[in-house]
Amino acid sequence: MKKELFDIGTWNVNTMLKAGKMQEIADQIVGSQIQIVALQEIRWRGYGLLKKDKYSVYYSCNPNTTCQAGTGFSGDE
């Protein structure tokens, strides 16, 4: 049986509501050797999937709150 190894990380981004913040974070993650990153405090309302060429972001936050604790996971394709 072949085992696969994954590099997994976590990052408190404080917010991804600022202009350009998503691209800044994406550039750093794509440039690293990390395949899966847990993102804390992204502050995006609701839930969903953002698919890009080199990564995807799954996110979730209760839409009835301030979403300060919103969470996302990013992974390479």
PDB file of N, CA and C in Angstrom:
ATOM      1  N   MET A   1       0.838  -1.178   0.000  1.00  0.00           N
ATOM      2  CA  MET A   1       0.000   0.000   0.000  1.00  0.00           C
ATOM      3  C   MET A   1       0.885   1.243   0.000  1.00  0.00           C
ATOM      4  N   LYS A   2       0.638   2.142  -0.928  1.00  0.00           N
ATOM      5  CA  LYS A   2       1.406   3.378  -1.039  1.00  0.00           C
ATOM      6  C   LYS A   2       0.850   4.433  -0.087  1.00  0.00           C
ATOM      7  N   LYS A   3       1.758   5.042   0.677  1.00  0.00           N
ATOM      8  CA  LYS A   3       1.352   6.113   1.583  1.00  0.00           C
ATOM      9  C   LYS A   3       1.637   7.455   0.937  1.00  0.00           C
ATOM     10  N   GLU A   4       0.698   8.385   1.089  1.00  0.00           N
ATOM     11  CA  GLU A   4       0.892   9.743   0.613  1.00  0.00           C
ATOM     12  C   GLU A   4       1.119  10.654   1.811  1.00  0.00           C
ATOM     13  N   LEU A   5       2.080  11.550   1.684  1.00  0.00           N
ATOM     14  CA  LEU A   5       2.363  12.514   2.735  1.00  0.00           C
ATOM     15  C   LEU A   5       1.841  13.877   2.316  1.00  0.00           C
ATOM     16  N   PHE A   6       1.244  14.583   3.258  1.00  0.00           N
ATOM     17  CA  PHE A   6       0.728  15.927   3.016  1.00  0.00           C
ATOM     18  C   PHE A   6       1.361  16.882   4.008  1.00  0.00           C
ATOM     19  N   ASP A   7       1.692  18.064   3.549  1.00  0.00           N
ATOM     20  CA  ASP A   7       2.115  19.137   4.436  1.00  0.00           C
ATOM     21  C   ASP A   7       0.873  19.958   4.745  1.00  0.00           C
ATOM     22  N   ILE A   8       0.560  20.087   6.040  1.00  0.00           N
ATOM     23  CA  ILE A   8      -0.639  20.771   6.493  1.00  0.00           C
ATOM     24  C   ILE A   8      -0.229  21.907   7.408  1.00  0.00           C
ATOM     25  N   GLY A   9      -0.877  23.073   7.256  1.00  0.00           N
ATOM     26  CA  GLY A   9      -0.564  24.222   8.090  1.00  0.00           C
ATOM     27  C   GLY A   9      -1.812  24.916   8.577  1.00  0.00           C
ATOM     28  N   THR A  10      -1.630  25.893   9.440  1.00  0.00           N
ATOM     29  CA  THR A  10      -2.722  26.699   9.945  1.00  0.00           C
ATOM     30  C   THR A  10      -2.269  28.156   9.983  1.00  0.00           C
ATOM     31  N   TRP A  11      -3.203  29.083   9.765  1.00  0.00           N
ATOM     32  CA  TRP A  11      -2.835  30.495   9.672  1.00  0.00           C
ATOM     33  C   TRP A  11      -4.010  31.341  10.136  1.00  0.00           C
ATOM     34  N   ASN A  12      -3.783  32.192  11.137  1.00  0.00           N
ATOM     35  CA  ASN A  12      -4.788  33.162  11.560  1.00  0.00           C
ATOM     36  C   ASN A  12      -4.571  34.399  10.703  1.00  0.00           C
ATOM     37  N   VAL A  13      -5.438  34.608   9.714  1.00  0.00           N
ATOM     38  CA  VAL A  13      -5.270  35.698   8.753  1.00  0.00           C
ATOM     39  C   VAL A  13      -5.895  37.004   9.235  1.00  0.00           C
ATOM     40  N   ASN A  14      -6.605  36.977  10.372  1.00  0.00           N
ATOM     41  CA  ASN A  14      -7.269  38.130  10.990  1.00  0.00           C
ATOM     42  C   ASN A  14      -8.429  38.677  10.174  1.00  0.00           C
ATOM     43  N   THR A  15      -8.337  38.762   8.883  1.00  0.00           N
ATOM     44  CA  THR A  15      -9.463  39.109   8.019  1.00  0.00           C
ATOM     45  C   THR A  15      -9.035  38.951   6.569  1.00  0.00           C
ATOM     46  N   MET A  16      -9.983  38.567   5.745  1.00  0.00           N
ATOM     47  CA  MET A  16      -9.740  38.549   4.307  1.00  0.00           C
ATOM     48  C   MET A  16     -10.726  39.491   3.629  1.00  0.00           C
ATOM     49  N   LEU A  17     -11.204  40.494   4.398  1.00  0.00           N
ATOM     50  CA  LEU A  17     -12.133  41.483   3.861  1.00  0.00           C
ATOM     51  C   LEU A  17     -11.411  42.675   3.243  1.00  0.00           C
ATOM     52  N   LYS A  18     -10.117  42.823   3.502  1.00  0.00           N
ATOM     53  CA  LYS A  18      -9.349  43.941   2.947  1.00  0.00           C
ATOM     54  C   LYS A  18      -9.027  43.675   1.476  1.00  0.00           C
ATOM     55  N   ALA A  19      -9.050  44.723   0.682  1.00  0.00           N
ATOM     56  CA  ALA A  19      -8.726  44.593  -0.742  1.00  0.00           C
ATOM     57  C   ALA A  19      -7.323  44.020  -0.919  1.00  0.00           C
ATOM     58  N   GLY A  20      -7.194  42.995  -1.746  1.00  0.00           N
ATOM     59  CA  GLY A  20      -5.903  42.394  -2.051  1.00  0.00           C
ATOM     60  C   GLY A  20      -5.436  41.337  -1.067  1.00  0.00           C
ATOM     61  N   LYS A  21      -6.121  41.182   0.060  1.00  0.00           N
ATOM     62  CA  LYS A  21      -5.687  40.232   1.094  1.00  0.00           C
ATOM     63  C   LYS A  21      -5.768  38.789   0.600  1.00  0.00           C
ATOM     64  N   MET A  22      -6.831  38.443  -0.131  1.00  0.00           N
ATOM     65  CA  MET A  22      -6.966  37.081  -0.642  1.00  0.00           C
ATOM     66  C   MET A  22      -5.803  36.744  -1.567  1.00  0.00           C
ATOM     67  N   GLN A  23      -5.445  37.648  -2.446  1.00  0.00           N
ATOM     68  CA  GLN A  23      -4.341  37.391  -3.375  1.00  0.00           C
ATOM     69  C   GLN A  23      -3.014  37.270  -2.636  1.00  0.00           C
ATOM     70  N   GLU A  24      -2.804  38.102  -1.632  1.00  0.00           N
ATOM     71  CA  GLU A  24      -1.578  38.041  -0.827  1.00  0.00           C
ATOM     72  C   GLU A  24      -1.441  36.682  -0.153  1.00  0.00           C
ATOM     73  N   ILE A  25      -2.513  36.227   0.464  1.00  0.00           N
ATOM     74  CA  ILE A  25      -2.502  34.932   1.146  1.00  0.00           C
ATOM     75  C   ILE A  25      -2.329  33.800   0.136  1.00  0.00           C
ATOM     76  N   ALA A  26      -3.054  33.869  -0.966  1.00  0.00           N
ATOM     77  CA  ALA A  26      -2.961  32.830  -1.997  1.00  0.00           C
ATOM     78  C   ALA A  26      -1.542  32.729  -2.542  1.00  0.00           C
ATOM     79  N   ASP A  27      -0.897  33.855  -2.813  1.00  0.00           N
ATOM     80  CA  ASP A  27       0.468  33.840  -3.332  1.00  0.00           C
ATOM     81  C   ASP A  27       1.418  33.155  -2.357  1.00  0.00           C
ATOM     82  N   GLN A  28       1.266  33.427  -1.068  1.00  0.00           N
ATOM     83  CA  GLN A  28       2.144  32.825  -0.065  1.00  0.00           C
ATOM     84  C   GLN A  28       1.890  31.327   0.074  1.00  0.00           C
ATOM     85  N   ILE A  29       0.631  30.923   0.023  1.00  0.00           N
ATOM     86  CA  ILE A  29       0.309  29.497   0.148  1.00  0.00           C
ATOM     87  C   ILE A  29       0.776  28.735  -1.086  1.00  0.00           C
ATOM     88  N   VAL A  30       0.481  29.243  -2.273  1.00  0.00           N
ATOM     89  CA  VAL A  30       0.879  28.570  -3.515  1.00  0.00           C
ATOM     90  C   VAL A  30       2.400  28.471  -3.605  1.00  0.00           C
ATOM     91  N   GLY A  31       3.110  29.478  -3.111  1.00  0.00           N
ATOM     92  CA  GLY A  31       4.570  29.474  -3.151  1.00  0.00           C
ATOM     93  C   GLY A  31       5.217  28.585  -2.103  1.00  0.00           C
ATOM     94  N   SER A  32       4.432  28.068  -1.181  1.00  0.00           N
ATOM     95  CA  SER A  32       4.974  27.197  -0.130  1.00  0.00           C
ATOM     96  C   SER A  32       4.838  25.729  -0.535  1.00  0.00           C
ATOM     97  N   GLN A  33       5.302  24.859   0.320  1.00  0.00           N
ATOM     98  CA  GLN A  33       5.186  23.420   0.086  1.00  0.00           C
ATOM     99  C   GLN A  33       3.965  22.832   0.800  1.00  0.00           C
ATOM    100  N   ILE A  34       3.079  23.681   1.297  1.00  0.00           N
ATOM    101  CA  ILE A  34       1.925  23.233   2.071  1.00  0.00           C
ATOM    102  C   ILE A  34       0.759  22.939   1.136  1.00  0.00           C
ATOM    103  N   GLN A  35       0.168  21.745   1.248  1.00  0.00           N
ATOM    104  CA  GLN A  35      -0.948  21.362   0.391  1.00  0.00           C
ATOM    105  C   GLN A  35      -2.308  21.748   0.970  1.00  0.00           C
ATOM    106  N   ILE A  36      -2.433  21.734   2.302  1.00  0.00           N
ATOM    107  CA  ILE A  36      -3.699  22.060   2.955  1.00  0.00           C
ATOM    108  C   ILE A  36      -3.427  23.082   4.051  1.00  0.00           C
ATOM    109  N   VAL A  37      -4.195  24.188   4.057  1.00  0.00           N
ATOM    110  CA  VAL A  37      -4.025  25.237   5.061  1.00  0.00           C
ATOM    111  C   VAL A  37      -5.382  25.545   5.687  1.00  0.00           C
ATOM    112  N   ALA A  38      -5.445  25.506   7.010  1.00  0.00           N
ATOM    113  CA  ALA A  38      -6.643  25.939   7.734  1.00  0.00           C
ATOM    114  C   ALA A  38      -6.500  27.436   7.982  1.00  0.00           C
ATOM    115  N   LEU A  39      -7.472  28.208   7.536  1.00  0.00           N
ATOM    116  CA  LEU A  39      -7.443  29.668   7.675  1.00  0.00           C
ATOM    117  C   LEU A  39      -8.453  30.094   8.735  1.00  0.00           C
ATOM    118  N   GLN A  40      -7.985  30.765   9.782  1.00  0.00           N
ATOM    119  CA  GLN A  40      -8.880  31.240  10.830  1.00  0.00           C
ATOM    120  C   GLN A  40      -9.171  32.720  10.637  1.00  0.00           C
ATOM    121  N   GLU A  41     -10.375  33.102  11.077  1.00  0.00           N
ATOM    122  CA  GLU A  41     -10.854  34.491  11.073  1.00  0.00           C
ATOM    123  C   GLU A  41     -10.844  35.117   9.678  1.00  0.00           C
ATOM    124  N   ILE A  42     -11.311  34.366   8.679  1.00  0.00           N
ATOM    125  CA  ILE A  42     -11.368  34.953   7.342  1.00  0.00           C
ATOM    126  C   ILE A  42     -12.486  35.981   7.234  1.00  0.00           C
ATOM    127  N   ARG A  43     -13.524  35.833   8.052  1.00  0.00           N
ATOM    128  CA  ARG A  43     -14.629  36.801   8.183  1.00  0.00           C
ATOM    129  C   ARG A  43     -15.516  36.917   6.943  1.00  0.00           C
ATOM    130  N   TRP A  44     -15.582  35.882   6.148  1.00  0.00           N
ATOM    131  CA  TRP A  44     -16.521  35.871   5.020  1.00  0.00           C
ATOM    132  C   TRP A  44     -17.847  35.322   5.518  1.00  0.00           C
ATOM    133  N   ARG A  45     -18.941  35.976   5.197  1.00  0.00           N
ATOM    134  CA  ARG A  45     -20.270  35.526   5.632  1.00  0.00           C
ATOM    135  C   ARG A  45     -20.738  34.332   4.804  1.00  0.00           C
ATOM    136  N   GLY A  46     -21.513  33.477   5.437  1.00  0.00           N
ATOM    137  CA  GLY A  46     -22.089  32.329   4.744  1.00  0.00           C
ATOM    138  C   GLY A  46     -21.080  31.211   4.557  1.00  0.00           C
ATOM    139  N   TYR A  47     -21.306  30.427   3.514  1.00  0.00           N
ATOM    140  CA  TYR A  47     -20.414  29.299   3.252  1.00  0.00           C
ATOM    141  C   TYR A  47     -20.324  29.099   1.746  1.00  0.00           C
ATOM    142  N   GLY A  48     -19.272  28.424   1.334  1.00  0.00           N
ATOM    143  CA  GLY A  48     -19.146  28.172  -0.089  1.00  0.00           C
ATOM    144  C   GLY A  48     -17.776  27.669  -0.482  1.00  0.00           C
ATOM    145  N   LEU A  49     -17.546  27.702  -1.774  1.00  0.00           N
ATOM    146  CA  LEU A  49     -16.306  27.220  -2.369  1.00  0.00           C
ATOM    147  C   LEU A  49     -15.845  28.232  -3.398  1.00  0.00           C
ATOM    148  N   LEU A  50     -14.608  28.656  -3.288  1.00  0.00           N
ATOM    149  CA  LEU A  50     -13.981  29.546  -4.254  1.00  0.00           C
ATOM    150  C   LEU A  50     -12.914  28.731  -4.974  1.00  0.00           C
ATOM    151  N   LYS A  51     -13.136  28.448  -6.251  1.00  0.00           N
ATOM    152  CA  LYS A  51     -12.188  27.641  -7.025  1.00  0.00           C
ATOM    153  C   LYS A  51     -11.361  28.532  -7.939  1.00  0.00           C
ATOM    154  N   LYS A  52     -10.052  28.379  -7.851  1.00  0.00           N
ATOM    155  CA  LYS A  52      -9.105  29.072  -8.711  1.00  0.00           C
ATOM    156  C   LYS A  52      -8.259  28.020  -9.433  1.00  0.00           C
ATOM    157  N   ASP A  53      -7.390  28.460 -10.339  1.00  0.00           N
ATOM    158  CA  ASP A  53      -6.563  27.517 -11.089  1.00  0.00           C
ATOM    159  C   ASP A  53      -5.648  26.686 -10.200  1.00  0.00           C
ATOM    160  N   LYS A  54      -5.020  27.311  -9.204  1.00  0.00           N
ATOM    161  CA  LYS A  54      -4.004  26.627  -8.411  1.00  0.00           C
ATOM    162  C   LYS A  54      -4.443  26.246  -7.006  1.00  0.00           C
ATOM    163  N   TYR A  55      -5.638  26.652  -6.609  1.00  0.00           N
ATOM    164  CA  TYR A  55      -6.105  26.348  -5.261  1.00  0.00           C
ATOM    165  C   TYR A  55      -7.621  26.483  -5.188  1.00  0.00           C
ATOM    166  N   SER A  56      -8.174  25.961  -4.109  1.00  0.00           N
ATOM    167  CA  SER A  56      -9.591  26.116  -3.789  1.00  0.00           C
ATOM    168  C   SER A  56      -9.693  26.542  -2.334  1.00  0.00           C
ATOM    169  N   VAL A  57     -10.718  27.341  -2.011  1.00  0.00           N
ATOM    170  CA  VAL A  57     -10.965  27.751  -0.637  1.00  0.00           C
ATOM    171  C   VAL A  57     -12.388  27.346  -0.278  1.00  0.00           C
ATOM    172  N   TYR A  58     -12.506  26.513   0.743  1.00  0.00           N
ATOM    173  CA  TYR A  58     -13.798  26.153   1.311  1.00  0.00           C
ATOM    174  C   TYR A  58     -13.955  27.011   2.559  1.00  0.00           C
ATOM    175  N   TYR A  59     -15.091  27.700   2.699  1.00  0.00           N
ATOM    176  CA  TYR A  59     -15.256  28.586   3.849  1.00  0.00           C
ATOM    177  C   TYR A  59     -16.638  28.433   4.457  1.00  0.00           C
ATOM    178  N   SER A  60     -16.735  28.815   5.746  1.00  0.00           N
ATOM    179  CA  SER A  60     -18.004  28.702   6.447  1.00  0.00           C
ATOM    180  C   SER A  60     -18.035  29.652   7.636  1.00  0.00           C
ATOM    181  N   CYS A  61     -19.171  30.336   7.785  1.00  0.00           N
ATOM    182  CA  CYS A  61     -19.406  31.189   8.939  1.00  0.00           C
ATOM    183  C   CYS A  61     -20.916  31.400   9.066  1.00  0.00           C
ATOM    184  N   ASN A  62     -21.409  31.424  10.266  1.00  0.00           N
ATOM    185  CA  ASN A  62     -22.822  31.685  10.502  1.00  0.00           C
ATOM    186  C   ASN A  62     -23.155  33.076   9.961  1.00  0.00           C
ATOM    187  N   PRO A  63     -24.062  33.194   8.990  1.00  0.00           N
ATOM    188  CA  PRO A  63     -24.372  34.502   8.403  1.00  0.00           C
ATOM    189  C   PRO A  63     -25.062  35.469   9.361  1.00  0.00           C
ATOM    190  N   ASN A  64     -25.511  34.988  10.518  1.00  0.00           N
ATOM    191  CA  ASN A  64     -26.196  35.832  11.494  1.00  0.00           C
ATOM    192  C   ASN A  64     -25.256  36.377  12.563  1.00  0.00           C
ATOM    193  N   THR A  65     -23.945  36.229  12.350  1.00  0.00           N
ATOM    194  CA  THR A  65     -22.958  36.724  13.310  1.00  0.00           C
ATOM    195  C   THR A  65     -22.011  37.689  12.611  1.00  0.00           C
ATOM    196  N   THR A  66     -21.032  38.197  13.356  1.00  0.00           N
ATOM    197  CA  THR A  66     -20.033  39.100  12.782  1.00  0.00           C
ATOM    198  C   THR A  66     -18.984  38.350  11.971  1.00  0.00           C
ATOM    199  N   CYS A  67     -18.980  37.041  12.047  1.00  0.00           N
ATOM    200  CA  CYS A  67     -18.053  36.163  11.309  1.00  0.00           C
ATOM    201  C   CYS A  67     -16.603  36.376  11.704  1.00  0.00           C
ATOM    202  N   GLN A  68     -16.354  36.868  12.895  1.00  0.00           N
ATOM    203  CA  GLN A  68     -14.970  37.012  13.346  1.00  0.00           C
ATOM    204  C   GLN A  68     -14.290  35.658  13.465  1.00  0.00           C
ATOM    205  N   ALA A  69     -15.054  34.605  13.638  1.00  0.00           N
ATOM    206  CA  ALA A  69     -14.476  33.280  13.779  1.00  0.00           C
ATOM    207  C   ALA A  69     -14.658  32.445  12.522  1.00  0.00           C
ATOM    208  N   GLY A  70     -14.940  33.062  11.401  1.00  0.00           N
ATOM    209  CA  GLY A  70     -15.124  32.319  10.155  1.00  0.00           C
ATOM    210  C   GLY A  70     -13.893  31.493   9.818  1.00  0.00           C
ATOM    211  N   THR A  71     -14.100  30.315   9.288  1.00  0.00           N
ATOM    212  CA  THR A  71     -13.014  29.387   9.005  1.00  0.00           C
ATOM    213  C   THR A  71     -13.002  29.003   7.553  1.00  0.00           C
ATOM    214  N   GLY A  72     -11.807  28.800   7.021  1.00  0.00           N
ATOM    215  CA  GLY A  72     -11.669  28.332   5.655  1.00  0.00           C
ATOM    216  C   GLY A  72     -10.556  27.322   5.551  1.00  0.00           C
ATOM    217  N   PHE A  73     -10.599  26.525   4.498  1.00  0.00           N
ATOM    218  CA  PHE A  73      -9.527  25.584   4.200  1.00  0.00           C
ATOM    219  C   PHE A  73      -9.119  25.796   2.767  1.00  0.00           C
ATOM    220  N   SER A  74      -7.840  25.898   2.552  1.00  0.00           N
ATOM    221  CA  SER A  74      -7.311  26.080   1.203  1.00  0.00           C
ATOM    222  C   SER A  74      -6.472  24.868   0.857  1.00  0.00           C
ATOM    223  N   GLY A  75      -6.575  24.429  -0.378  1.00  0.00           N
ATOM    224  CA  GLY A  75      -5.773  23.298  -0.817  1.00  0.00           C
ATOM    225  C   GLY A  75      -5.373  23.472  -2.264  1.00  0.00           C
ATOM    226  N   ASP A  76      -4.219  22.896  -2.603  1.00  0.00           N
ATOM    227  CA  ASP A  76      -3.795  22.990  -4.005  1.00  0.00           C
ATOM    228  C   ASP A  76      -4.533  21.967  -4.827  1.00  0.00           C
ATOM    229  N   GLU A  77      -4.592  22.192  -6.108  1.00  0.00           N
ATOM    230  CA  GLU A  77      -5.317  21.307  -7.026  1.00  0.00           C
ATOM    231  C   GLU A  77      -4.429  20.202  -7.509  1.00  0.00           C
TER     232      GLU A  77
END
